[in-house]
Amino acid sequence: MDEAKSAIRDAYREDILSERMIEVNGIKGYELTHQSTTNPIKSEIVIFYVNGWIYEFDYGADESLYEASESIFNHL
């Protein structure tokens, strides 16, 4: 998990708005929200490390659409 976290953090280093560790159904994950400095896209990336596999979930949209959908992120 640390290696995957570092890779994602390095890729979005200057654009990170927030990052935190999360837990879903007993599985620990890493969540990073970033805002692109080159276009109006805001994104959230969540990674989980399970049984030697890394699973990555991404959502990105124009900032207004992102914020309109943000309240349902934890239900998906």
C-alpha atoms as a PDB file:
ATOM      1  CA  MET A   1       0.000   0.000   0.000  1.00  0.00           C
ATOM      2  CA  ASP A   2       2.801   2.436   0.838  1.00  0.00           C
ATOM      3  CA  GLU A   3       4.345   2.046  -2.614  1.00  0.00           C
ATOM      4  CA  ALA A   4       1.008   2.683  -4.345  1.00  0.00           C
ATOM      5  CA  LYS A   5       0.332   5.689  -2.084  1.00  0.00           C
ATOM      6  CA  SER A   6       3.736   7.152  -2.906  1.00  0.00           C
ATOM      7  CA  ALA A   7       3.248   6.684  -6.651  1.00  0.00           C
ATOM      8  CA  ILE A   8      -0.117   8.432  -6.639  1.00  0.00           C
ATOM      9  CA  ARG A   9       1.073  11.185  -4.300  1.00  0.00           C
ATOM     10  CA  ASP A  10       4.094  11.823  -6.552  1.00  0.00           C
ATOM     11  CA  ALA A  11       1.919  11.934  -9.695  1.00  0.00           C
ATOM     12  CA  TYR A  12      -0.371  14.627  -8.242  1.00  0.00           C
ATOM     13  CA  ARG A  13       2.058  16.297  -5.841  1.00  0.00           C
ATOM     14  CA  GLU A  14       1.226  19.927  -6.706  1.00  0.00           C
ATOM     15  CA  ASP A  15      -2.515  19.390  -7.156  1.00  0.00           C
ATOM     16  CA  ILE A  16      -3.426  17.585  -3.887  1.00  0.00           C
ATOM     17  CA  LEU A  17      -6.349  19.105  -1.987  1.00  0.00           C
ATOM     18  CA  SER A  18      -6.723  16.368   0.626  1.00  0.00           C
ATOM     19  CA  GLU A  19      -5.639  12.847   1.420  1.00  0.00           C
ATOM     20  CA  ARG A  20      -6.589  10.389   4.122  1.00  0.00           C
ATOM     21  CA  MET A  21      -6.734   6.743   5.072  1.00  0.00           C
ATOM     22  CA  ILE A  22     -10.209   5.192   4.951  1.00  0.00           C
ATOM     23  CA  GLU A  23     -11.778   1.844   5.782  1.00  0.00           C
ATOM     24  CA  VAL A  24     -14.588   0.168   3.819  1.00  0.00           C
ATOM     25  CA  ASN A  25     -16.030  -3.156   4.988  1.00  0.00           C
ATOM     26  CA  GLY A  26     -12.913  -3.786   7.069  1.00  0.00           C
ATOM     27  CA  ILE A  27     -10.521  -3.054   4.176  1.00  0.00           C
ATOM     28  CA  LYS A  28      -8.127  -0.141   4.612  1.00  0.00           C
ATOM     29  CA  GLY A  29      -7.703   2.255   1.722  1.00  0.00           C
ATOM     30  CA  TYR A  30      -6.114   5.549   0.732  1.00  0.00           C
ATOM     31  CA  GLU A  31      -8.136   8.459  -0.656  1.00  0.00           C
ATOM     32  CA  LEU A  32      -6.687  11.453  -2.479  1.00  0.00           C
ATOM     33  CA  THR A  33      -8.598  14.437  -3.870  1.00  0.00           C
ATOM     34  CA  HIS A  34      -6.875  16.729  -6.338  1.00  0.00           C
ATOM     35  CA  GLN A  35      -7.642  19.713  -8.563  1.00  0.00           C
ATOM     36  CA  SER A  36      -5.770  19.996 -11.835  1.00  0.00           C
ATOM     37  CA  THR A  37      -3.812  23.217 -12.287  1.00  0.00           C
ATOM     38  CA  THR A  38      -4.009  22.929 -16.093  1.00  0.00           C
ATOM     39  CA  ASN A  39      -7.772  22.361 -16.567  1.00  0.00           C
ATOM     40  CA  PRO A  40     -10.966  22.667 -14.472  1.00  0.00           C
ATOM     41  CA  ILE A  41     -11.094  18.997 -13.458  1.00  0.00           C
ATOM     42  CA  LYS A  42     -11.403  17.892  -9.840  1.00  0.00           C
ATOM     43  CA  SER A  43     -10.781  14.201  -9.112  1.00  0.00           C
ATOM     44  CA  GLU A  44     -10.889  11.688  -6.312  1.00  0.00           C
ATOM     45  CA  ILE A  45      -8.774   8.540  -6.316  1.00  0.00           C
ATOM     46  CA  VAL A  46      -9.210   5.687  -3.849  1.00  0.00           C
ATOM     47  CA  ILE A  47      -6.873   2.696  -3.704  1.00  0.00           C
ATOM     48  CA  PHE A  48      -7.173  -0.551  -1.788  1.00  0.00           C
ATOM     49  CA  TYR A  49      -4.562  -3.277  -1.365  1.00  0.00           C
ATOM     50  CA  VAL A  50      -6.214  -6.696  -1.044  1.00  0.00           C
ATOM     51  CA  ASN A  51      -4.486 -10.093  -1.217  1.00  0.00           C
ATOM     52  CA  GLY A  52      -1.507  -8.749  -3.164  1.00  0.00           C
ATOM     53  CA  TRP A  53      -3.640  -6.769  -5.625  1.00  0.00           C
ATOM     54  CA  ILE A  54      -4.087  -3.003  -5.850  1.00  0.00           C
ATOM     55  CA  TYR A  55      -7.549  -1.753  -6.770  1.00  0.00           C
ATOM     56  CA  GLU A  56      -7.932   1.857  -7.888  1.00  0.00           C
ATOM     57  CA  PHE A  57     -11.191   3.773  -8.253  1.00  0.00           C
ATOM     58  CA  ASP A  58     -11.198   7.206  -9.898  1.00  0.00           C
ATOM     59  CA  TYR A  59     -13.841   9.856 -10.401  1.00  0.00           C
ATOM     60  CA  GLY A  60     -13.173  13.148 -12.112  1.00  0.00           C
ATOM     61  CA  ALA A  61     -15.380  15.912 -13.450  1.00  0.00           C
ATOM     62  CA  ASP A  62     -15.693  19.627 -13.982  1.00  0.00           C
ATOM     63  CA  GLU A  63     -15.545  21.190 -10.512  1.00  0.00           C
ATOM     64  CA  SER A  64     -19.260  22.152 -10.388  1.00  0.00           C
ATOM     65  CA  LEU A  65     -20.396  18.666 -11.486  1.00  0.00           C
ATOM     66  CA  TYR A  66     -17.928  17.069  -9.060  1.00  0.00           C
ATOM     67  CA  GLU A  67     -19.287  19.080  -6.138  1.00  0.00           C
ATOM     68  CA  ALA A  68     -22.900  18.330  -7.144  1.00  0.00           C
ATOM     69  CA  SER A  69     -22.108  14.580  -7.025  1.00  0.00           C
ATOM     70  CA  GLU A  70     -19.803  14.621  -3.986  1.00  0.00           C
ATOM     71  CA  SER A  71     -22.535  13.781  -1.459  1.00  0.00           C
ATOM     72  CA  ILE A  72     -23.037  10.313  -2.999  1.00  0.00           C
ATOM     73  CA  PHE A  73     -19.353   9.295  -3.258  1.00  0.00           C
ATOM     74  CA  ASN A  74     -19.464   7.223  -0.084  1.00  0.00           C
ATOM     75  CA  HIS A  75     -22.521   5.320  -1.318  1.00  0.00           C
ATOM     76  CA  LEU A  76     -21.001   4.035  -4.564  1.00  0.00           C
END
